[in-house]
Protein backbone atom coordinates (compact mmCIF):
# COMPACT_ATOMS: atom_id res chain seq x y z
CA MET A 1 -45.34 -43.09 -82.53
CA ILE A 2 -42.29 -41.41 -80.83
CA ASN A 3 -39.40 -40.85 -83.23
CA LYS A 4 -36.18 -41.38 -81.16
CA ILE A 5 -32.58 -42.21 -82.41
CA THR A 6 -30.39 -44.15 -80.21
CA LYS A 7 -26.78 -43.63 -79.89
CA GLY A 8 -24.04 -45.17 -77.70
CA PRO A 9 -23.40 -44.28 -74.07
CA SER A 10 -22.04 -40.57 -73.59
CA THR A 11 -22.07 -37.56 -71.10
CA ALA A 12 -25.32 -36.27 -72.51
CA LEU A 13 -26.34 -34.33 -69.48
CA PHE A 14 -26.54 -30.64 -70.42
CA PRO A 15 -26.10 -27.91 -69.26
CA VAL A 16 -23.46 -28.36 -66.91
CA PRO A 17 -21.73 -25.70 -64.80
CA ALA A 18 -18.70 -24.09 -66.01
CA VAL A 19 -16.52 -23.12 -63.17
CA LEU A 20 -13.16 -22.04 -62.17
CA VAL A 21 -11.47 -24.31 -59.45
CA THR A 22 -8.59 -22.83 -57.43
CA ALA A 23 -5.90 -25.15 -55.70
CA CYS A 24 -2.72 -24.59 -54.01
CA LEU A 25 0.05 -26.33 -52.03
CA GLU A 26 1.33 -24.62 -48.83
CA GLY A 27 3.84 -22.16 -49.79
CA GLY A 28 3.26 -22.72 -53.60
CA GLU A 29 1.60 -20.65 -56.55
CA PRO A 30 -2.20 -21.19 -56.55
CA ASP A 31 -3.38 -22.73 -59.95
CA ILE A 32 -6.96 -22.19 -61.68
CA ILE A 33 -8.52 -24.93 -63.69
CA THR A 34 -11.66 -24.87 -65.68
CA ILE A 35 -14.15 -27.67 -64.50
CA ALA A 36 -17.51 -28.35 -66.21
CA TRP A 37 -18.05 -31.78 -64.27
CA THR A 38 -19.15 -30.33 -61.06
CA GLY A 39 -22.49 -30.44 -58.96
CA ILE A 40 -24.11 -31.00 -55.87
CA MET A 41 -23.86 -34.36 -53.78
CA ASN A 42 -25.80 -33.87 -50.77
CA SER A 43 -27.60 -31.13 -48.79
CA GLU A 44 -27.05 -31.92 -45.32
CA PRO A 45 -24.15 -31.93 -44.54
CA PRO A 46 -23.38 -29.92 -47.84
CA VAL A 47 -21.23 -31.87 -50.07
CA VAL A 48 -20.25 -31.08 -53.75
CA TYR A 49 -17.89 -32.78 -56.35
CA ILE A 50 -15.71 -31.84 -58.96
CA SER A 51 -14.20 -34.43 -61.61
CA VAL A 52 -10.70 -33.96 -62.82
CA ARG A 53 -8.56 -35.92 -65.15
CA PRO A 54 -5.45 -37.25 -63.29
CA VAL A 55 -3.23 -37.28 -66.35
CA GLY A 56 -1.92 -34.00 -67.72
CA ARG A 57 -3.60 -31.67 -65.25
CA HIS A 58 -1.49 -29.59 -62.98
CA SER A 59 -4.44 -28.76 -60.49
CA TYR A 60 -5.24 -32.45 -60.00
CA ARG A 61 -1.79 -32.81 -58.09
CA LEU A 62 -2.51 -29.64 -56.10
CA ILE A 63 -5.91 -30.73 -55.02
CA LYS A 64 -5.10 -34.43 -54.40
CA GLU A 65 -1.85 -33.35 -52.17
CA SER A 66 -3.56 -30.41 -50.38
CA GLY A 67 -7.07 -31.77 -49.87
CA GLU A 68 -8.67 -28.67 -50.60
CA PHE A 69 -10.17 -26.67 -53.44
CA VAL A 70 -12.29 -23.60 -54.06
CA ILE A 71 -15.24 -23.84 -56.60
CA ASN A 72 -15.47 -20.13 -58.14
CA ILE A 73 -18.68 -19.54 -60.10
CA PRO A 74 -18.29 -17.00 -62.80
CA ALA A 75 -20.68 -14.77 -64.36
CA ALA A 76 -21.68 -14.81 -68.10
CA GLY A 77 -19.04 -11.67 -68.79
CA GLN A 78 -16.18 -14.05 -67.78
CA ALA A 79 -16.78 -16.91 -70.28
CA GLY A 80 -13.59 -15.87 -71.98
CA VAL A 81 -11.64 -16.29 -69.12
CA VAL A 82 -12.91 -19.59 -68.01
CA ASP A 83 -12.33 -20.74 -71.76
CA TYR A 84 -8.81 -19.57 -71.58
CA CYS A 85 -8.10 -21.14 -68.22
CA GLY A 86 -9.41 -24.43 -69.78
CA THR A 87 -7.00 -24.39 -72.69
CA VAL A 88 -3.48 -23.84 -70.83
CA SER A 89 -1.60 -25.73 -68.23
CA GLY A 90 -0.87 -23.96 -64.75
CA GLY A 91 2.42 -25.91 -64.98
CA VAL A 92 3.39 -23.66 -67.81
CA VAL A 93 1.27 -20.60 -67.33
CA ASN A 94 0.55 -18.46 -64.06
CA LYS A 95 -3.25 -18.11 -64.81
CA PHE A 96 -3.70 -15.23 -62.18
CA LYS A 97 -1.09 -13.21 -63.85
CA GLU A 98 -2.22 -13.95 -67.39
CA THR A 99 -6.07 -13.39 -66.89
CA GLY A 100 -5.71 -10.57 -64.40
CA LEU A 101 -7.72 -12.43 -61.93
CA THR A 102 -7.45 -11.59 -58.26
CA PRO A 103 -6.64 -14.36 -55.71
CA VAL A 104 -8.15 -13.50 -52.22
CA PRO A 105 -7.43 -15.62 -49.04
CA ALA A 106 -9.96 -18.18 -48.17
CA SER A 107 -11.26 -18.40 -44.74
CA HIS A 108 -10.86 -22.07 -44.47
CA VAL A 109 -8.48 -23.53 -47.04
CA GLN A 110 -5.21 -22.61 -48.55
CA ALA A 111 -6.71 -22.21 -52.02
CA PRO A 112 -7.56 -18.71 -52.89
CA LEU A 113 -10.96 -17.20 -53.98
CA ILE A 114 -11.17 -15.56 -57.12
CA ALA A 115 -12.43 -11.97 -56.19
CA GLU A 116 -13.82 -11.24 -59.70
CA CYS A 117 -16.27 -14.38 -59.52
CA PRO A 118 -19.43 -13.67 -57.84
CA VAL A 119 -19.85 -16.78 -55.77
CA ASN A 120 -16.92 -18.83 -54.20
CA VAL A 121 -17.33 -22.16 -52.59
CA GLU A 122 -14.60 -23.39 -50.15
CA CYS A 123 -14.28 -27.21 -50.07
CA ARG A 124 -12.15 -29.91 -48.23
CA VAL A 125 -11.97 -33.08 -49.93
CA ARG A 126 -13.86 -35.85 -48.20
CA GLN A 127 -13.10 -38.77 -50.61
CA VAL A 128 -11.56 -39.34 -54.14
CA ILE A 129 -13.33 -41.80 -56.45
CA PRO A 130 -11.55 -42.91 -59.36
CA LEU A 131 -13.81 -43.60 -62.32
CA GLY A 132 -11.83 -44.06 -65.51
CA SER A 133 -10.95 -40.94 -67.34
CA HIS A 134 -11.52 -38.76 -64.23
CA ASP A 135 -11.30 -38.78 -60.71
CA VAL A 136 -14.15 -37.39 -58.73
CA PHE A 137 -13.41 -35.31 -55.45
CA LEU A 138 -16.18 -35.27 -53.22
CA GLY A 139 -15.87 -32.14 -51.25
CA ASP A 140 -17.32 -30.99 -47.73
CA VAL A 141 -18.61 -27.32 -48.29
CA LEU A 142 -16.81 -25.29 -45.35
CA ALA A 143 -17.99 -21.78 -46.43
CA VAL A 144 -19.63 -19.73 -49.30
CA HIS A 145 -18.77 -16.27 -50.25
CA TYR A 146 -21.07 -13.84 -52.34
CA ASN A 147 -20.05 -10.58 -53.67
CA LYS A 148 -22.37 -7.78 -51.86
CA ASP A 149 -23.31 -6.53 -55.52
CA ILE A 150 -25.03 -9.84 -56.78
CA LEU A 151 -27.31 -10.40 -53.69
CA ASP A 152 -30.95 -9.02 -53.92
CA GLU A 153 -32.77 -7.03 -50.98
CA LYS A 154 -33.22 -10.65 -49.03
CA GLY A 155 -29.56 -11.41 -49.17
CA ARG A 156 -30.28 -14.33 -51.80
CA PRO A 157 -28.07 -14.55 -55.24
CA ASP A 158 -29.69 -12.36 -57.96
CA PHE A 159 -29.39 -14.52 -61.08
CA GLU A 160 -30.45 -11.82 -63.28
CA LEU A 161 -27.18 -10.00 -62.18
CA ILE A 162 -24.84 -13.20 -62.29
CA GLU A 163 -26.17 -14.19 -65.57
CA PRO A 164 -24.96 -17.91 -64.88
CA TYR A 165 -24.19 -20.08 -67.85
CA GLY A 166 -23.30 -23.62 -68.50
CA TYR A 167 -21.29 -25.87 -70.92
CA CYS A 168 -23.19 -27.70 -73.41
CA SER A 169 -21.51 -30.04 -75.72
CA GLY A 170 -18.64 -27.54 -76.42
CA GLU A 171 -20.71 -24.42 -76.30
CA TYR A 172 -21.20 -21.85 -73.34
CA ARG A 173 -24.82 -21.11 -72.98
CA LEU A 174 -26.86 -18.59 -70.84
CA VAL A 175 -29.23 -20.23 -68.42
CA THR A 176 -30.98 -17.20 -66.95
CA LYS A 177 -34.87 -17.34 -68.28
CA LYS A 178 -36.89 -18.25 -65.34
CA ILE A 179 -39.69 -20.74 -66.16
CA GLY A 180 -41.02 -21.69 -62.75
CA HIS A 181 -40.00 -22.01 -59.20
CA TYR A 182 -40.14 -25.21 -56.62
CA GLY A 183 -43.57 -26.23 -56.09
CA TYR A 184 -45.21 -24.03 -58.65
CA SER A 185 -46.97 -27.19 -60.27
CA LYS A 186 -48.87 -28.04 -57.31
CA LYS A 187 -50.02 -24.45 -56.82
CA GLU A 188 -51.25 -24.28 -60.49
CA LYS A 189 -53.16 -27.70 -60.01
CA GLN A 190 -55.17 -26.36 -57.04
CA ARG A 191 -56.51 -23.32 -59.06
């Protein structure tokens, strides 16, 4: 017999990425918002999403009005900065100045890349879907930038160097232990 306990509906998917999203209006100050509700929606063309609360989020207005954003993927050593950017409002605090993070011009959007984040994904809003507590911004990926020092000899991201982590029910947790690769189960069955 399987021993299960049923609970009410919740957002029980974990881990989810913890990322820093930048947004900016033309001529304005850029802002950083910590987002955990993010992921891939489509491969061809590449489409990603972020979900943002419309109420009380300074970056929400910047993303909605500009139609652009950058998903900046941090390394494990930046978890403190990620947490901080999720606890203060960009309407009150300049998060770039407070954290010492460096804004770098993007190649396709007004929102800056964060130099210290090993991966940056430039996006243009394709569609906004209001769902209740959050609005989902579907974003067409325009460019992806990698810090050279995190790429392996084949030019792919080295996850041991990045040490990606996720957000799990209020905790930040590492996700670096490799347990297999795409297609490995078929190869093992052929033995």
